[in-house]
């Protein structure tokens, strides 16, 4: 079983866990948004190339 009693360090530890979780969530969000933007740009380039031929 996990022991969540961290004594006087509990606030520091949980704050670090929270900051890490927020950072990872932000990075995942930024990655997904960049992927969607690049996917849309690629589709636009492919459509422009197909319309030229």
PDB file of N, CA and C in Angstrom:
ATOM      1  N   UNK A   1       0.838  -1.177   0.000  1.00  0.00           N
ATOM      2  CA  UNK A   1       0.000   0.000   0.000  1.00  0.00           C
ATOM      3  C   UNK A   1       0.887   1.245   0.000  1.00  0.00           C
ATOM      4  N   UNK A   2       0.411   2.287  -0.615  1.00  0.00           N
ATOM      5  CA  UNK A   2       1.177   3.525  -0.678  1.00  0.00           C
ATOM      6  C   UNK A   2       1.074   4.285   0.635  1.00  0.00           C
ATOM      7  N   UNK A   3       2.148   4.918   1.011  1.00  0.00           N
ATOM      8  CA  UNK A   3       2.167   5.720   2.235  1.00  0.00           C
ATOM      9  C   UNK A   3       2.177   7.188   1.827  1.00  0.00           C
ATOM     10  N   UNK A   4       1.052   7.876   2.020  1.00  0.00           N
ATOM     11  CA  UNK A   4       0.941   9.276   1.611  1.00  0.00           C
ATOM     12  C   UNK A   4       1.324  10.247   2.726  1.00  0.00           C
ATOM     13  N   UNK A   5       1.698   9.745   3.890  1.00  0.00           N
ATOM     14  CA  UNK A   5       2.097  10.617   4.994  1.00  0.00           C
ATOM     15  C   UNK A   5       3.543  11.045   4.779  1.00  0.00           C
ATOM     16  N   UNK A   6       3.743  12.288   4.371  1.00  0.00           N
ATOM     17  CA  UNK A   6       5.082  12.776   4.058  1.00  0.00           C
ATOM     18  C   UNK A   6       5.583  13.768   5.097  1.00  0.00           C
ATOM     19  N   UNK A   7       4.859  13.898   6.170  1.00  0.00           N
ATOM     20  CA  UNK A   7       5.291  14.784   7.237  1.00  0.00           C
ATOM     21  C   UNK A   7       5.361  16.229   6.782  1.00  0.00           C
ATOM     22  N   UNK A   8       6.401  16.914   7.223  1.00  0.00           N
ATOM     23  CA  UNK A   8       6.527  18.341   6.905  1.00  0.00           C
ATOM     24  C   UNK A   8       6.891  18.595   5.449  1.00  0.00           C
ATOM     25  N   UNK A   9       7.236  17.554   4.678  1.00  0.00           N
ATOM     26  CA  UNK A   9       7.603  17.726   3.277  1.00  0.00           C
ATOM     27  C   UNK A   9       6.429  17.514   2.324  1.00  0.00           C
ATOM     28  N   UNK A  10       5.282  17.164   2.853  1.00  0.00           N
ATOM     29  CA  UNK A  10       4.117  16.855   2.035  1.00  0.00           C
ATOM     30  C   UNK A  10       3.724  17.984   1.096  1.00  0.00           C
ATOM     31  N   UNK A  11       3.663  19.212   1.594  1.00  0.00           N
ATOM     32  CA  UNK A  11       3.267  20.343   0.752  1.00  0.00           C
ATOM     33  C   UNK A  11       4.239  20.517  -0.412  1.00  0.00           C
ATOM     34  N   UNK A  12       5.527  20.426  -0.127  1.00  0.00           N
ATOM     35  CA  UNK A  12       6.546  20.571  -1.168  1.00  0.00           C
ATOM     36  C   UNK A  12       6.427  19.454  -2.210  1.00  0.00           C
ATOM     37  N   UNK A  13       6.277  18.225  -1.737  1.00  0.00           N
ATOM     38  CA  UNK A  13       6.210  17.079  -2.647  1.00  0.00           C
ATOM     39  C   UNK A  13       4.968  17.177  -3.528  1.00  0.00           C
ATOM     40  N   UNK A  14       3.791  17.448  -2.954  1.00  0.00           N
ATOM     41  CA  UNK A  14       2.566  17.521  -3.744  1.00  0.00           C
ATOM     42  C   UNK A  14       2.570  18.725  -4.682  1.00  0.00           C
ATOM     43  N   UNK A  15       3.213  19.811  -4.267  1.00  0.00           N
ATOM     44  CA  UNK A  15       3.359  20.961  -5.165  1.00  0.00           C
ATOM     45  C   UNK A  15       4.223  20.589  -6.365  1.00  0.00           C
ATOM     46  N   UNK A  16       5.280  19.852  -6.146  1.00  0.00           N
ATOM     47  CA  UNK A  16       6.142  19.397  -7.245  1.00  0.00           C
ATOM     48  C   UNK A  16       5.403  18.449  -8.166  1.00  0.00           C
ATOM     49  N   UNK A  17       4.628  17.523  -7.585  1.00  0.00           N
ATOM     50  CA  UNK A  17       3.819  16.625  -8.419  1.00  0.00           C
ATOM     51  C   UNK A  17       2.833  17.424  -9.266  1.00  0.00           C
ATOM     52  N   UNK A  18       2.190  18.416  -8.661  1.00  0.00           N
ATOM     53  CA  UNK A  18       1.224  19.237  -9.390  1.00  0.00           C
ATOM     54  C   UNK A  18       1.877  20.029 -10.506  1.00  0.00           C
ATOM     55  N   UNK A  19       3.032  20.620 -10.213  1.00  0.00           N
ATOM     56  CA  UNK A  19       3.741  21.393 -11.236  1.00  0.00           C
ATOM     57  C   UNK A  19       4.182  20.492 -12.385  1.00  0.00           C
ATOM     58  N   UNK A  20       4.625  19.297 -12.061  1.00  0.00           N
ATOM     59  CA  UNK A  20       5.032  18.349 -13.100  1.00  0.00           C
ATOM     60  C   UNK A  20       3.845  17.934 -13.950  1.00  0.00           C
ATOM     61  N   UNK A  21       2.727  17.652 -13.307  1.00  0.00           N
ATOM     62  CA  UNK A  21       1.519  17.261 -14.034  1.00  0.00           C
ATOM     63  C   UNK A  21       1.054  18.383 -14.954  1.00  0.00           C
ATOM     64  N   UNK A  22       1.042  19.618 -14.461  1.00  0.00           N
ATOM     65  CA  UNK A  22       0.644  20.751 -15.298  1.00  0.00           C
ATOM     66  C   UNK A  22       1.606  20.950 -16.464  1.00  0.00           C
ATOM     67  N   UNK A  23       2.884  20.797 -16.216  1.00  0.00           N
ATOM     68  CA  UNK A  23       3.876  20.958 -17.283  1.00  0.00           C
ATOM     69  C   UNK A  23       3.705  19.902 -18.361  1.00  0.00           C
ATOM     70  N   UNK A  24       3.535  18.653 -17.947  1.00  0.00           N
ATOM     71  CA  UNK A  24       3.361  17.578 -18.923  1.00  0.00           C
ATOM     72  C   UNK A  24       2.066  17.752 -19.713  1.00  0.00           C
ATOM     73  N   UNK A  25       0.989  18.147 -19.038  1.00  0.00           N
ATOM     74  CA  UNK A  25      -0.281  18.371 -19.725  1.00  0.00           C
ATOM     75  C   UNK A  25      -0.140  19.508 -20.734  1.00  0.00           C
ATOM     76  N   UNK A  26       0.570  20.568 -20.346  1.00  0.00           N
ATOM     77  CA  UNK A  26       0.799  21.681 -21.264  1.00  0.00           C
ATOM     78  C   UNK A  26       1.619  21.272 -22.470  1.00  0.00           C
ATOM     79  N   UNK A  27       2.653  20.501 -22.246  1.00  0.00           N
ATOM     80  CA  UNK A  27       3.489  20.036 -23.359  1.00  0.00           C
ATOM     81  C   UNK A  27       2.716  19.122 -24.300  1.00  0.00           C
ATOM     82  N   UNK A  28       1.883  18.261 -23.733  1.00  0.00           N
ATOM     83  CA  UNK A  28       1.060  17.389 -24.577  1.00  0.00           C
ATOM     84  C   UNK A  28       0.095  18.231 -25.397  1.00  0.00           C
ATOM     85  N   UNK A  29      -0.529  19.215 -24.767  1.00  0.00           N
ATOM     86  CA  UNK A  29      -1.445  20.095 -25.481  1.00  0.00           C
ATOM     87  C   UNK A  29      -0.762  20.861 -26.601  1.00  0.00           C
ATOM     88  N   UNK A  30       0.408  21.402 -26.328  1.00  0.00           N
ATOM     89  CA  UNK A  30       1.155  22.131 -27.357  1.00  0.00           C
ATOM     90  C   UNK A  30       1.559  21.210 -28.509  1.00  0.00           C
ATOM     91  N   UNK A  31       1.944  19.998 -28.177  1.00  0.00           N
ATOM     92  CA  UNK A  31       2.331  19.035 -29.213  1.00  0.00           C
ATOM     93  C   UNK A  31       1.147  18.681 -30.105  1.00  0.00           C
ATOM     94  N   UNK A  32       0.003  18.432 -29.493  1.00  0.00           N
ATOM     95  CA  UNK A  32      -1.189  18.093 -30.281  1.00  0.00           C
ATOM     96  C   UNK A  32      -1.637  19.256 -31.159  1.00  0.00           C
ATOM     97  N   UNK A  33      -1.556  20.478 -30.624  1.00  0.00           N
ATOM     98  CA  UNK A  33      -1.935  21.652 -31.412  1.00  0.00           C
ATOM     99  C   UNK A  33      -0.970  21.855 -32.581  1.00  0.00           C
ATOM    100  N   UNK A  34       0.323  21.702 -32.341  1.00  0.00           N
ATOM    101  CA  UNK A  34       1.310  21.847 -33.418  1.00  0.00           C
ATOM    102  C   UNK A  34       1.103  20.769 -34.477  1.00  0.00           C
ATOM    103  N   UNK A  35       0.779  19.560 -34.045  1.00  0.00           N
ATOM    104  CA  UNK A  35       0.526  18.476 -34.989  1.00  0.00           C
ATOM    105  C   UNK A  35      -0.668  18.808 -35.881  1.00  0.00           C
ATOM    106  N   UNK A  36      -1.728  19.306 -35.285  1.00  0.00           N
ATOM    107  CA  UNK A  36      -2.923  19.657 -36.054  1.00  0.00           C
ATOM    108  C   UNK A  36      -2.623  20.782 -37.044  1.00  0.00           C
ATOM    109  N   UNK A  37      -1.829  21.768 -36.629  1.00  0.00           N
ATOM    110  CA  UNK A  37      -1.473  22.869 -37.524  1.00  0.00           C
ATOM    111  C   UNK A  37      -0.624  22.373 -38.691  1.00  0.00           C
ATOM    112  N   UNK A  38       0.331  21.532 -38.416  1.00  0.00           N
ATOM    113  CA  UNK A  38       1.195  21.012 -39.487  1.00  0.00           C
ATOM    114  C   UNK A  38       0.435  20.082 -40.420  1.00  0.00           C
ATOM    115  N   UNK A  39      -0.509  19.337 -39.874  1.00  0.00           N
ATOM    116  CA  UNK A  39      -1.336  18.461 -40.693  1.00  0.00           C
ATOM    117  C   UNK A  39      -2.205  19.291 -41.639  1.00  0.00           C
ATOM    118  N   UNK A  40      -2.755  20.401 -41.133  1.00  0.00           N
ATOM    119  CA  UNK A  40      -3.565  21.279 -41.974  1.00  0.00           C
ATOM    120  C   UNK A  40      -2.708  21.952 -43.045  1.00  0.00           C
ATOM    121  N   UNK A  41      -1.497  22.347 -42.695  1.00  0.00           N
ATOM    122  CA  UNK A  41      -0.599  22.971 -43.662  1.00  0.00           C
ATOM    123  C   UNK A  41      -0.204  21.974 -44.752  1.00  0.00           C
ATOM    124  N   UNK A  42       0.058  20.738 -44.362  1.00  0.00           N
ATOM    125  CA  UNK A  42       0.403  19.710 -45.339  1.00  0.00           C
ATOM    126  C   UNK A  42      -0.768  19.449 -46.284  1.00  0.00           C
ATOM    127  N   UNK A  43      -1.975  19.385 -45.742  1.00  0.00           N
ATOM    128  CA  UNK A  43      -3.149  19.165 -46.587  1.00  0.00           C
ATOM    129  C   UNK A  43      -3.319  20.320 -47.566  1.00  0.00           C
ATOM    130  N   UNK A  44      -3.099  21.548 -47.106  1.00  0.00           N
ATOM    131  CA  UNK A  44      -3.216  22.703 -47.993  1.00  0.00           C
ATOM    132  C   UNK A  44      -2.173  22.634 -49.111  1.00  0.00           C
ATOM    133  N   UNK A  45      -0.954  22.229 -48.780  1.00  0.00           N
ATOM    134  CA  UNK A  45       0.089  22.085 -49.795  1.00  0.00           C
ATOM    135  C   UNK A  45      -0.254  20.976 -50.790  1.00  0.00           C
ATOM    136  N   UNK A  46      -0.772  19.877 -50.286  1.00  0.00           N
ATOM    137  CA  UNK A  46      -1.149  18.780 -51.177  1.00  0.00           C
ATOM    138  C   UNK A  46      -2.291  19.196 -52.097  1.00  0.00           C
ATOM    139  N   UNK A  47      -3.264  19.908 -51.563  1.00  0.00           N
ATOM    140  CA  UNK A  47      -4.379  20.380 -52.389  1.00  0.00           C
ATOM    141  C   UNK A  47      -3.896  21.370 -53.448  1.00  0.00           C
ATOM    142  N   UNK A  48      -2.972  22.244 -53.074  1.00  0.00           N
ATOM    143  CA  UNK A  48      -2.434  23.221 -54.036  1.00  0.00           C
ATOM    144  C   UNK A  48      -1.640  22.511 -55.127  1.00  0.00           C
ATOM    145  N   UNK A  49      -0.908  21.480 -54.764  1.00  0.00           N
ATOM    146  CA  UNK A  49      -0.122  20.740 -55.731  1.00  0.00           C
ATOM    147  C   UNK A  49      -1.034  19.960 -56.681  1.00  0.00           C
ATOM    148  N   UNK A  50      -2.068  19.364 -56.162  1.00  0.00           N
ATOM    149  CA  UNK A  50      -2.997  18.600 -57.005  1.00  0.00           C
ATOM    150  C   UNK A  50      -3.772  19.496 -57.956  1.00  0.00           C
ATOM    151  N   UNK A  51      -4.076  20.719 -57.532  1.00  0.00           N
ATOM    152  CA  UNK A  51      -4.834  21.614 -58.386  1.00  0.00           C
ATOM    153  C   UNK A  51      -3.971  22.176 -59.532  1.00  0.00           C
ATOM    154  N   UNK A  52      -2.654  22.147 -59.377  1.00  0.00           N
ATOM    155  CA  UNK A  52      -1.749  22.638 -60.409  1.00  0.00           C
ATOM    156  C   UNK A  52      -1.546  21.618 -61.527  1.00  0.00           C
ATOM    157  N   UNK A  53      -1.795  20.378 -61.237  1.00  0.00           N
ATOM    158  CA  UNK A  53      -1.540  19.347 -62.255  1.00  0.00           C
ATOM    159  C   UNK A  53      -2.759  19.091 -63.108  1.00  0.00           C
TER     160      UNK A  53
END
